[in-house]
Amino acid sequence: MVVASADGADRDAIARAAKDGGGVVAWGAIVIHHSGRAEGSAAAIDEYQRKVVRDVVGLAHHFVIGNGTGSPDGTVEVSGPWGRGAQTPHLFRKGNLPPAISVALVGDLETATPTPAQAAALANVIAVLAERFHIPVDRVLTHREVEGRGTTCPGRLRKLEVLAAAGLLPAGPVRVRVEAGSGQVLVLAGDGVVLRLFRARSANTAPLPVGTWPVCRRDDGGAFGKTVVIAYPGPAEVRAALDAGRLSPDEAKRLSRKRVGGQCPPDDTALGGEIAFHAAGTPDEGTACLALDPLDAGVLFDL
């Protein structure tokens, strides 16, 4: 089942171990998983799939990265499916996602983080595969990004840190874009989408304002859990409302003083405010806040 293995700290060794596999498939994406079990290896995952899940295919991941329990910490195991160039049936490919390479980290990343050796090995595997198959950063995905709310895999993996270590994180500040039509919440670096987050299922009826604002406050806890507040309204909104007579000069001064002082704008003017991303099962009725799934709200808070 394992056709080769390599020290995850050595990119050249990974490239050598992987070079004879992949077949003639036009690989166009990488999907990151975790095994969901604290201990394991490629052989252990294969046995579990066959004996417990009753899946005759067995191990379907192309690369498995050990955590020191069933194989040495940070070791990259190259599987039989990669050697045969077999597409894995479990990736739930959707839309226009091209054939995807499956990389699994041993461990239950719902309750733990990858070991440093695993994280380094994952970055090196991604770097090697992305270079060989010309896979762009927006096609390096977590299982959750592909499948959506149906899974939390791979748990607490810090994807952006892995992309940075792989040399794939575009230069420039990290930004969050909420698309008005689809409601998608996208994390961008440079011009590339590097992470996709999910809004809570219960949709907010209040319309979101259109514009760009910095973060002005982060609250770790409270009624809505981890909360990130944006500095709305900004100077452009204040000027436009003042010129249109929708905002009084006194209100405009109050908003300006808060901004100059580095504080969040007050929310009791005609323009409102306190627009936030937060982790709540139900959005705050009557506001334009964005409720995210709790896992994704935590990710955004950390960013």
C-alpha atoms as a PDB file:
ATOM      1  CA  MET A   1       0.000   0.000   0.000  1.00  0.00           C
ATOM      2  CA  VAL A   2       2.925   2.358   0.692  1.00  0.00           C
ATOM      3  CA  VAL A   3       5.104   2.562  -2.418  1.00  0.00           C
ATOM      4  CA  ALA A   4       7.632   5.032  -1.013  1.00  0.00           C
ATOM      5  CA  SER A   5       8.288   7.264   1.954  1.00  0.00           C
ATOM      6  CA  ALA A   6      10.312  10.412   2.532  1.00  0.00           C
ATOM      7  CA  ASP A   7      11.496  12.741   5.243  1.00  0.00           C
ATOM      8  CA  GLY A   8       8.912  15.521   5.235  1.00  0.00           C
ATOM      9  CA  ALA A   9      11.584  18.109   5.975  1.00  0.00           C
ATOM     10  CA  ASP A  10      13.342  17.391   2.644  1.00  0.00           C
ATOM     11  CA  ARG A  11      11.531  18.683  -0.447  1.00  0.00           C
ATOM     12  CA  ASP A  12      13.942  16.945  -2.811  1.00  0.00           C
ATOM     13  CA  ALA A  13      13.306  13.629  -1.065  1.00  0.00           C
ATOM     14  CA  ILE A  14       9.544  14.152  -1.360  1.00  0.00           C
ATOM     15  CA  ALA A  15       9.880  14.954  -5.057  1.00  0.00           C
ATOM     16  CA  ARG A  16      11.923  11.795  -5.639  1.00  0.00           C
ATOM     17  CA  ALA A  17       9.461   9.630  -3.711  1.00  0.00           C
ATOM     18  CA  ALA A  18       6.507  11.025  -5.663  1.00  0.00           C
ATOM     19  CA  LYS A  19       8.007  11.317  -9.151  1.00  0.00           C
ATOM     20  CA  ASP A  20       7.050   7.872 -10.464  1.00  0.00           C
ATOM     21  CA  GLY A  21       3.399   8.204  -9.406  1.00  0.00           C
ATOM     22  CA  GLY A  22       0.442  10.244 -10.509  1.00  0.00           C
ATOM     23  CA  GLY A  23      -0.111   8.428 -13.801  1.00  0.00           C
ATOM     24  CA  VAL A  24      -1.386  10.472 -16.725  1.00  0.00           C
ATOM     25  CA  VAL A  25      -4.100  12.276 -14.753  1.00  0.00           C
ATOM     26  CA  ALA A  26      -4.288  16.049 -15.269  1.00  0.00           C
ATOM     27  CA  TRP A  27      -4.078  16.832 -11.539  1.00  0.00           C
ATOM     28  CA  GLY A  28      -5.401  20.327 -10.954  1.00  0.00           C
ATOM     29  CA  ALA A  29      -6.104  20.611  -7.224  1.00  0.00           C
ATOM     30  CA  ILE A  30      -4.866  19.502  -3.813  1.00  0.00           C
ATOM     31  CA  VAL A  31      -7.298  18.649  -1.006  1.00  0.00           C
ATOM     32  CA  ILE A  32      -6.093  18.447   2.606  1.00  0.00           C
ATOM     33  CA  HIS A  33      -7.662  16.003   5.086  1.00  0.00           C
ATOM     34  CA  HIS A  34      -7.037  14.625   8.540  1.00  0.00           C
ATOM     35  CA  SER A  35      -7.491  10.991   9.485  1.00  0.00           C
ATOM     36  CA  GLY A  36      -9.822  11.802  12.393  1.00  0.00           C
ATOM     37  CA  ARG A  37      -8.011   9.379  14.702  1.00  0.00           C
ATOM     38  CA  ALA A  38      -5.226  10.300  17.119  1.00  0.00           C
ATOM     39  CA  GLU A  39      -2.972   7.452  16.047  1.00  0.00           C
ATOM     40  CA  GLY A  40      -2.280   5.915  12.693  1.00  0.00           C
ATOM     41  CA  SER A  41      -0.359   5.588   9.468  1.00  0.00           C
ATOM     42  CA  ALA A  42      -1.133   4.803   5.847  1.00  0.00           C
ATOM     43  CA  ALA A  43      -1.415   1.105   6.721  1.00  0.00           C
ATOM     44  CA  ALA A  44      -3.661   1.810   9.716  1.00  0.00           C
ATOM     45  CA  ILE A  45      -5.987   4.010   7.655  1.00  0.00           C
ATOM     46  CA  ASP A  46      -6.179   1.301   5.004  1.00  0.00           C
ATOM     47  CA  GLU A  47      -7.041  -1.345   7.601  1.00  0.00           C
ATOM     48  CA  TYR A  48      -9.673   0.859   9.228  1.00  0.00           C
ATOM     49  CA  GLN A  49     -11.330   1.603   5.888  1.00  0.00           C
ATOM     50  CA  ARG A  50     -11.464  -2.064   4.936  1.00  0.00           C
ATOM     51  CA  LYS A  51     -12.402  -3.658   8.273  1.00  0.00           C
ATOM     52  CA  VAL A  52     -14.486  -0.982  10.008  1.00  0.00           C
ATOM     53  CA  VAL A  53     -15.940   1.141   7.215  1.00  0.00           C
ATOM     54  CA  ARG A  54     -16.217  -1.933   4.965  1.00  0.00           C
ATOM     55  CA  ASP A  55     -14.799   0.003   2.031  1.00  0.00           C
ATOM     56  CA  VAL A  56     -13.111  -2.444  -0.334  1.00  0.00           C
ATOM     57  CA  VAL A  57     -11.048   0.398  -1.806  1.00  0.00           C
ATOM     58  CA  GLY A  58      -9.237   0.870   1.498  1.00  0.00           C
ATOM     59  CA  LEU A  59      -6.802   3.773   1.676  1.00  0.00           C
ATOM     60  CA  ALA A  60      -7.716   6.331  -0.964  1.00  0.00           C
ATOM     61  CA  HIS A  61      -5.394   9.186   0.050  1.00  0.00           C
ATOM     62  CA  HIS A  62      -2.389   9.730  -2.182  1.00  0.00           C
ATOM     63  CA  PHE A  63      -0.082  10.998   0.566  1.00  0.00           C
ATOM     64  CA  VAL A  64      -0.241  10.391   4.323  1.00  0.00           C
ATOM     65  CA  ILE A  65       1.815  12.428   6.799  1.00  0.00           C
ATOM     66  CA  GLY A  66       2.590  10.709  10.088  1.00  0.00           C
ATOM     67  CA  ASN A  67       2.436  12.209  13.573  1.00  0.00           C
ATOM     68  CA  GLY A  68       4.839   9.811  15.293  1.00  0.00           C
ATOM     69  CA  THR A  69       2.301   7.179  16.339  1.00  0.00           C
ATOM     70  CA  GLY A  70       2.189   4.659  13.480  1.00  0.00           C
ATOM     71  CA  SER A  71       4.985   6.187  11.411  1.00  0.00           C
ATOM     72  CA  PRO A  72       7.754   8.684  12.254  1.00  0.00           C
ATOM     73  CA  ASP A  73       6.599  12.239  12.943  1.00  0.00           C
ATOM     74  CA  GLY A  74       6.570  14.229   9.689  1.00  0.00           C
ATOM     75  CA  THR A  75       7.227  11.232   7.450  1.00  0.00           C
ATOM     76  CA  VAL A  76       5.470  11.415   4.072  1.00  0.00           C
ATOM     77  CA  GLU A  77       4.054   8.067   2.964  1.00  0.00           C
ATOM     78  CA  VAL A  78       3.316   7.760  -0.758  1.00  0.00           C
ATOM     79  CA  SER A  79       0.380   5.416  -1.287  1.00  0.00           C
ATOM     80  CA  GLY A  80      -0.523   2.781  -3.837  1.00  0.00           C
ATOM     81  CA  PRO A  81      -3.263   4.943  -5.384  1.00  0.00           C
ATOM     82  CA  TRP A  82      -0.650   7.585  -6.196  1.00  0.00           C
ATOM     83  CA  GLY A  83       1.665   4.949  -7.632  1.00  0.00           C
ATOM     84  CA  ARG A  84      -1.172   3.750  -9.898  1.00  0.00           C
ATOM     85  CA  GLY A  85      -2.326   7.249 -10.786  1.00  0.00           C
ATOM     86  CA  ALA A  86      -5.779   6.501  -9.383  1.00  0.00           C
ATOM     87  CA  GLN A  87      -8.273   9.266  -8.728  1.00  0.00           C
ATOM     88  CA  THR A  88      -9.702   8.959  -5.249  1.00  0.00           C
ATOM     89  CA  PRO A  89     -13.481   8.448  -5.038  1.00  0.00           C
ATOM     90  CA  HIS A  90     -13.971  10.138  -1.663  1.00  0.00           C
ATOM     91  CA  LEU A  91     -13.223  13.767  -2.489  1.00  0.00           C
ATOM     92  CA  PHE A  92     -16.816  14.639  -3.424  1.00  0.00           C
ATOM     93  CA  ARG A  93     -15.607  16.748  -6.330  1.00  0.00           C
ATOM     94  CA  LYS A  94     -18.110  19.459  -7.090  1.00  0.00           C
ATOM     95  CA  GLY A  95     -18.628  22.007  -9.823  1.00  0.00           C
ATOM     96  CA  ASN A  96     -15.540  22.553 -11.911  1.00  0.00           C
ATOM     97  CA  LEU A  97     -13.022  21.144  -9.418  1.00  0.00           C
ATOM     98  CA  PRO A  98     -10.447  19.227 -11.486  1.00  0.00           C
ATOM     99  CA  PRO A  99      -8.915  15.879 -10.447  1.00  0.00           C
ATOM    100  CA  ALA A 100      -7.569  16.423  -6.944  1.00  0.00           C
ATOM    101  CA  ILE A 101      -4.587  15.015  -5.072  1.00  0.00           C
ATOM    102  CA  SER A 102      -5.542  13.892  -1.574  1.00  0.00           C
ATOM    103  CA  VAL A 103      -3.114  14.584   1.287  1.00  0.00           C
ATOM    104  CA  ALA A 104      -4.045  13.333   4.764  1.00  0.00           C
ATOM    105  CA  LEU A 105      -2.521  14.246   8.101  1.00  0.00           C
ATOM    106  CA  VAL A 106      -2.656  11.512  10.735  1.00  0.00           C
ATOM    107  CA  GLY A 107      -4.484  12.801  13.808  1.00  0.00           C
ATOM    108  CA  ASP A 108      -7.751  14.119  15.155  1.00  0.00           C
ATOM    109  CA  LEU A 109      -7.374  17.794  14.315  1.00  0.00           C
ATOM    110  CA  GLU A 110     -10.717  18.590  15.904  1.00  0.00           C
ATOM    111  CA  THR A 111      -9.006  18.306  19.282  1.00  0.00           C
ATOM    112  CA  ALA A 112      -5.337  18.859  18.430  1.00  0.00           C
ATOM    113  CA  THR A 113      -3.180  20.744  15.973  1.00  0.00           C
ATOM    114  CA  PRO A 114      -0.706  19.106  13.590  1.00  0.00           C
ATOM    115  CA  THR A 115       2.752  18.541  15.016  1.00  0.00           C
ATOM    116  CA  PRO A 116       5.374  21.056  13.814  1.00  0.00           C
ATOM    117  CA  ALA A 117       6.965  18.286  11.747  1.00  0.00           C
ATOM    118  CA  GLN A 118       3.608  17.473  10.134  1.00  0.00           C
ATOM    119  CA  ALA A 119       2.908  21.118   9.299  1.00  0.00           C
ATOM    120  CA  ALA A 120       6.364  21.492   7.734  1.00  0.00           C
ATOM    121  CA  ALA A 121       5.932  18.252   5.769  1.00  0.00           C
ATOM    122  CA  LEU A 122       2.487  19.335   4.523  1.00  0.00           C
ATOM    123  CA  ALA A 123       3.936  22.643   3.300  1.00  0.00           C
ATOM    124  CA  ASN A 124       6.709  20.780   1.477  1.00  0.00           C
ATOM    125  CA  VAL A 125       4.337  18.267  -0.119  1.00  0.00           C
ATOM    126  CA  ILE A 126       2.100  21.096  -1.327  1.00  0.00           C
ATOM    127  CA  ALA A 127       5.087  23.035  -2.676  1.00  0.00           C
ATOM    128  CA  VAL A 128       6.377  19.997  -4.602  1.00  0.00           C
ATOM    129  CA  LEU A 129       2.993  19.072  -6.073  1.00  0.00           C
ATOM    130  CA  ALA A 130       1.970  22.647  -6.894  1.00  0.00           C
ATOM    131  CA  GLU A 131       5.209  23.188  -8.800  1.00  0.00           C
ATOM    132  CA  ARG A 132       5.073  19.890 -10.665  1.00  0.00           C
ATOM    133  CA  PHE A 133       1.447  20.162 -11.748  1.00  0.00           C
ATOM    134  CA  HIS A 134       1.183  23.966 -11.933  1.00  0.00           C
ATOM    135  CA  ILE A 135      -1.590  24.052  -9.323  1.00  0.00           C
ATOM    136  CA  PRO A 136      -2.557  27.624  -8.333  1.00  0.00           C
ATOM    137  CA  VAL A 137      -3.014  28.643  -4.713  1.00  0.00           C
ATOM    138  CA  ASP A 138      -6.797  28.908  -5.044  1.00  0.00           C
ATOM    139  CA  ARG A 139      -6.872  25.184  -5.885  1.00  0.00           C
ATOM    140  CA  VAL A 140      -5.095  24.180  -2.682  1.00  0.00           C
ATOM    141  CA  LEU A 141      -8.165  23.405  -0.592  1.00  0.00           C
ATOM    142  CA  THR A 142      -9.244  21.846   2.664  1.00  0.00           C
ATOM    143  CA  HIS A 143     -11.853  19.083   2.593  1.00  0.00           C
ATOM    144  CA  ARG A 144     -14.267  21.530   4.229  1.00  0.00           C
ATOM    145  CA  GLU A 145     -13.760  24.085   1.471  1.00  0.00           C
ATOM    146  CA  VAL A 146     -14.701  21.462  -1.101  1.00  0.00           C
ATOM    147  CA  GLU A 147     -17.524  19.752   0.745  1.00  0.00           C
ATOM    148  CA  GLY A 148     -18.934  22.668   2.748  1.00  0.00           C
ATOM    149  CA  ARG A 149     -20.756  22.355   6.046  1.00  0.00           C
ATOM    150  CA  GLY A 150     -21.005  18.591   5.718  1.00  0.00           C
ATOM    151  CA  THR A 151     -17.550  18.223   7.241  1.00  0.00           C
ATOM    152  CA  THR A 152     -15.166  20.080   9.551  1.00  0.00           C
ATOM    153  CA  CYS A 153     -12.118  18.265   8.128  1.00  0.00           C
ATOM    154  CA  PRO A 154      -9.241  19.063   8.653  1.00  0.00           C
ATOM    155  CA  GLY A 155     -10.253  20.725  11.889  1.00  0.00           C
ATOM    156  CA  ARG A 156      -7.830  23.210  13.418  1.00  0.00           C
ATOM    157  CA  LEU A 157      -5.290  23.221  10.621  1.00  0.00           C
ATOM    158  CA  ARG A 158      -3.878  26.734  10.082  1.00  0.00           C
ATOM    159  CA  LYS A 159      -4.040  26.696   6.316  1.00  0.00           C
ATOM    160  CA  LEU A 160      -2.590  30.153   5.675  1.00  0.00           C
ATOM    161  CA  GLU A 161       0.498  29.343   7.735  1.00  0.00           C
ATOM    162  CA  VAL A 162       0.987  26.203   5.650  1.00  0.00           C
ATOM    163  CA  LEU A 163       0.598  28.143   2.402  1.00  0.00           C
ATOM    164  CA  ALA A 164       3.118  30.712   3.605  1.00  0.00           C
ATOM    165  CA  ALA A 165       5.627  27.973   4.491  1.00  0.00           C
ATOM    166  CA  ALA A 166       5.071  26.438   1.046  1.00  0.00           C
ATOM    167  CA  GLY A 167       5.867  29.789  -0.580  1.00  0.00           C
ATOM    168  CA  LEU A 168       2.390  30.003  -2.081  1.00  0.00           C
ATOM    169  CA  LEU A 169       0.802  32.789  -0.024  1.00  0.00           C
ATOM    170  CA  PRO A 170       0.577  35.850  -2.281  1.00  0.00           C
ATOM    171  CA  ALA A 171       2.148  39.062  -1.050  1.00  0.00           C
ATOM    172  CA  GLY A 172      -0.064  41.773   0.388  1.00  0.00           C
ATOM    173  CA  PRO A 173      -2.438  42.196   3.310  1.00  0.00           C
ATOM    174  CA  VAL A 174      -4.991  39.528   4.126  1.00  0.00           C
ATOM    175  CA  ARG A 175      -8.501  40.704   3.263  1.00  0.00           C
ATOM    176  CA  VAL A 176     -11.988  39.280   3.678  1.00  0.00           C
ATOM    177  CA  ARG A 177     -14.511  39.725   0.883  1.00  0.00           C
ATOM    178  CA  VAL A 178     -18.218  39.040   1.239  1.00  0.00           C
ATOM    179  CA  GLU A 179     -19.838  38.625  -2.152  1.00  0.00           C
ATOM    180  CA  ALA A 180     -23.212  40.280  -2.285  1.00  0.00           C
ATOM    181  CA  GLY A 181     -24.829  37.835  -4.705  1.00  0.00           C
ATOM    182  CA  SER A 182     -23.635  34.460  -3.433  1.00  0.00           C
ATOM    183  CA  GLY A 183     -22.962  35.466   0.162  1.00  0.00           C
ATOM    184  CA  GLN A 184     -19.622  33.689  -0.001  1.00  0.00           C
ATOM    185  CA  VAL A 185     -17.022  34.784   2.527  1.00  0.00           C
ATOM    186  CA  LEU A 186     -13.619  34.659   0.872  1.00  0.00           C
ATOM    187  CA  VAL A 187     -10.193  35.311   2.395  1.00  0.00           C
ATOM    188  CA  LEU A 188      -7.767  36.857  -0.080  1.00  0.00           C
ATOM    189  CA  ALA A 189      -4.058  37.598  -0.089  1.00  0.00           C
ATOM    190  CA  GLY A 190      -2.898  39.691  -3.002  1.00  0.00           C
ATOM    191  CA  ASP A 191      -5.447  38.883  -5.718  1.00  0.00           C
ATOM    192  CA  GLY A 192      -5.776  35.206  -4.849  1.00  0.00           C
ATOM    193  CA  VAL A 193      -8.459  33.424  -2.835  1.00  0.00           C
ATOM    194  CA  VAL A 194      -6.624  31.492  -0.126  1.00  0.00           C
ATOM    195  CA  LEU A 195      -9.500  30.368   2.110  1.00  0.00           C
ATOM    196  CA  ARG A 196     -13.273  30.013   1.942  1.00  0.00           C
ATOM    197  CA  LEU A 197     -15.459  30.470   5.020  1.00  0.00           C
ATOM    198  CA  PHE A 198     -19.119  29.647   5.576  1.00  0.00           C
ATOM    199  CA  ARG A 199     -21.960  31.784   6.893  1.00  0.00           C
ATOM    200  CA  ALA A 200     -24.395  30.384   9.427  1.00  0.00           C
ATOM    201  CA  ARG A 201     -27.378  28.648   7.865  1.00  0.00           C
ATOM    202  CA  SER A 202     -29.920  31.142   9.214  1.00  0.00           C
ATOM    203  CA  ALA A 203     -29.685  34.052   6.796  1.00  0.00           C
ATOM    204  CA  ASN A 204     -29.809  37.658   7.953  1.00  0.00           C
ATOM    205  CA  THR A 205     -32.448  39.727   6.208  1.00  0.00           C
ATOM    206  CA  ALA A 206     -30.715  43.085   6.725  1.00  0.00           C
ATOM    207  CA  PRO A 207     -28.768  44.232   3.635  1.00  0.00           C
ATOM    208  CA  LEU A 208     -25.022  44.600   3.917  1.00  0.00           C
ATOM    209  CA  PRO A 209     -23.437  47.931   2.994  1.00  0.00           C
ATOM    210  CA  VAL A 210     -21.088  47.962   0.014  1.00  0.00           C
ATOM    211  CA  GLY A 211     -17.550  49.190   0.587  1.00  0.00           C
ATOM    212  CA  THR A 212     -14.201  48.426   2.175  1.00  0.00           C
ATOM    213  CA  TRP A 213     -13.374  48.971   5.850  1.00  0.00           C
ATOM    214  CA  PRO A 214     -10.618  47.946   8.255  1.00  0.00           C
ATOM    215  CA  VAL A 215     -11.116  45.939  11.419  1.00  0.00           C
ATOM    216  CA  CYS A 216     -11.503  48.169  14.477  1.00  0.00           C
ATOM    217  CA  ARG A 217     -12.120  45.661  17.298  1.00  0.00           C
ATOM    218  CA  ARG A 218     -11.901  41.989  18.181  1.00  0.00           C
ATOM    219  CA  ASP A 219     -13.919  40.510  21.067  1.00  0.00           C
ATOM    220  CA  ASP A 220     -13.073  37.039  22.299  1.00  0.00           C
ATOM    221  CA  GLY A 221     -16.349  35.988  23.872  1.00  0.00           C
ATOM    222  CA  GLY A 222     -19.618  37.613  24.806  1.00  0.00           C
ATOM    223  CA  ALA A 223     -23.099  36.997  23.502  1.00  0.00           C
ATOM    224  CA  PHE A 224     -21.965  36.239  19.959  1.00  0.00           C
ATOM    225  CA  GLY A 225     -18.723  34.386  20.628  1.00  0.00           C
ATOM    226  CA  LYS A 226     -15.570  35.373  18.762  1.00  0.00           C
ATOM    227  CA  THR A 227     -16.367  38.690  17.114  1.00  0.00           C
ATOM    228  CA  VAL A 228     -14.554  40.882  14.591  1.00  0.00           C
ATOM    229  CA  VAL A 229     -16.008  44.398  14.175  1.00  0.00           C
ATOM    230  CA  ILE A 230     -15.360  46.522  11.085  1.00  0.00           C
ATOM    231  CA  ALA A 231     -14.969  50.313  11.111  1.00  0.00           C
ATOM    232  CA  TYR A 232     -18.232  51.172   9.373  1.00  0.00           C
ATOM    233  CA  PRO A 233     -19.129  53.863   8.512  1.00  0.00           C
ATOM    234  CA  GLY A 234     -15.869  55.158   7.092  1.00  0.00           C
ATOM    235  CA  PRO A 235     -14.901  58.641   5.826  1.00  0.00           C
ATOM    236  CA  ALA A 236     -16.502  58.125   2.393  1.00  0.00           C
ATOM    237  CA  GLU A 237     -19.869  57.143   3.884  1.00  0.00           C
ATOM    238  CA  VAL A 238     -19.769  60.010   6.363  1.00  0.00           C
ATOM    239  CA  ARG A 239     -19.008  62.597   3.649  1.00  0.00           C
ATOM    240  CA  ALA A 240     -21.731  61.284   1.326  1.00  0.00           C
ATOM    241  CA  ALA A 241     -24.353  61.238   4.094  1.00  0.00           C
ATOM    242  CA  LEU A 242     -23.364  64.710   5.292  1.00  0.00           C
ATOM    243  CA  ASP A 243     -23.599  66.137   1.746  1.00  0.00           C
ATOM    244  CA  ALA A 244     -26.987  64.467   1.270  1.00  0.00           C
ATOM    245  CA  GLY A 245     -28.337  65.870   4.525  1.00  0.00           C
ATOM    246  CA  ARG A 246     -28.821  62.413   6.059  1.00  0.00           C
ATOM    247  CA  LEU A 247     -26.237  63.063   8.757  1.00  0.00           C
ATOM    248  CA  SER A 248     -25.974  66.099  11.008  1.00  0.00           C
ATOM    249  CA  PRO A 249     -22.671  68.000  11.395  1.00  0.00           C
ATOM    250  CA  ASP A 250     -22.545  66.963  15.070  1.00  0.00           C
ATOM    251  CA  GLU A 251     -22.931  63.299  14.152  1.00  0.00           C
ATOM    252  CA  ALA A 252     -20.222  63.637  11.520  1.00  0.00           C
ATOM    253  CA  LYS A 253     -17.853  65.141  14.114  1.00  0.00           C
ATOM    254  CA  ARG A 254     -18.540  62.328  16.555  1.00  0.00           C
ATOM    255  CA  LEU A 255     -17.765  59.750  13.889  1.00  0.00           C
ATOM    256  CA  SER A 256     -14.577  61.568  12.915  1.00  0.00           C
ATOM    257  CA  ARG A 257     -13.335  61.820  16.519  1.00  0.00           C
ATOM    258  CA  LYS A 258     -13.783  58.096  17.069  1.00  0.00           C
ATOM    259  CA  ARG A 259     -11.942  57.292  13.854  1.00  0.00           C
ATOM    260  CA  VAL A 260      -9.028  59.603  14.648  1.00  0.00           C
ATOM    261  CA  GLY A 261      -8.852  58.053  18.110  1.00  0.00           C
ATOM    262  CA  GLY A 262      -8.585  54.578  16.634  1.00  0.00           C
ATOM    263  CA  GLN A 263     -11.948  53.460  17.998  1.00  0.00           C
ATOM    264  CA  CYS A 264     -14.914  51.824  16.329  1.00  0.00           C
ATOM    265  CA  PRO A 265     -17.504  54.293  15.007  1.00  0.00           C
ATOM    266  CA  PRO A 266     -20.547  54.806  17.266  1.00  0.00           C
ATOM    267  CA  ASP A 267     -23.624  52.937  16.080  1.00  0.00           C
ATOM    268  CA  ASP A 268     -26.248  55.437  17.224  1.00  0.00           C
ATOM    269  CA  THR A 269     -25.963  57.835  14.274  1.00  0.00           C
ATOM    270  CA  ALA A 270     -28.186  57.810  11.206  1.00  0.00           C
ATOM    271  CA  LEU A 271     -25.704  55.518   9.440  1.00  0.00           C
ATOM    272  CA  GLY A 272     -25.730  52.789  12.075  1.00  0.00           C
ATOM    273  CA  GLY A 273     -22.675  50.666  12.708  1.00  0.00           C
ATOM    274  CA  GLU A 274     -21.287  47.822  14.840  1.00  0.00           C
ATOM    275  CA  ILE A 275     -21.204  45.565  11.802  1.00  0.00           C
ATOM    276  CA  ALA A 276     -19.355  42.413  12.764  1.00  0.00           C
ATOM    277  CA  PHE A 277     -18.438  38.876  11.845  1.00  0.00           C
ATOM    278  CA  HIS A 278     -19.344  36.645  14.766  1.00  0.00           C
ATOM    279  CA  ALA A 279     -19.924  33.057  15.777  1.00  0.00           C
ATOM    280  CA  ALA A 280     -23.607  32.827  16.566  1.00  0.00           C
ATOM    281  CA  GLY A 281     -26.109  30.210  15.517  1.00  0.00           C
ATOM    282  CA  THR A 282     -28.660  32.909  14.782  1.00  0.00           C
ATOM    283  CA  PRO A 283     -27.719  36.347  13.459  1.00  0.00           C
ATOM    284  CA  ASP A 284     -28.553  39.420  15.498  1.00  0.00           C
ATOM    285  CA  GLU A 285     -31.974  40.306  14.123  1.00  0.00           C
ATOM    286  CA  GLY A 286     -32.244  43.689  12.463  1.00  0.00           C
ATOM    287  CA  THR A 287     -28.514  44.247  12.006  1.00  0.00           C
ATOM    288  CA  ALA A 288     -26.184  43.737   9.090  1.00  0.00           C
ATOM    289  CA  CYS A 289     -23.831  41.474  11.039  1.00  0.00           C
ATOM    290  CA  LEU A 290     -22.537  38.310   9.419  1.00  0.00           C
ATOM    291  CA  ALA A 291     -22.994  35.151  11.439  1.00  0.00           C
ATOM    292  CA  LEU A 292     -20.431  32.518  10.506  1.00  0.00           C
ATOM    293  CA  ASP A 293     -20.342  28.862  11.366  1.00  0.00           C
ATOM    294  CA  PRO A 294     -18.530  28.702  14.743  1.00  0.00           C
ATOM    295  CA  LEU A 295     -15.479  26.934  13.290  1.00  0.00           C
ATOM    296  CA  ASP A 296     -15.064  29.577  10.609  1.00  0.00           C
ATOM    297  CA  ALA A 297     -15.674  32.461  13.011  1.00  0.00           C
ATOM    298  CA  GLY A 298     -12.747  31.183  15.059  1.00  0.00           C
ATOM    299  CA  VAL A 299     -10.563  30.979  11.953  1.00  0.00           C
ATOM    300  CA  LEU A 300     -11.468  34.537  10.978  1.00  0.00           C
ATOM    301  CA  PHE A 301     -10.846  35.762  14.514  1.00  0.00           C
ATOM    302  CA  ASP A 302      -7.355  34.251  14.475  1.00  0.00           C
ATOM    303  CA  LEU A 303      -6.594  35.895  11.135  1.00  0.00           C
END
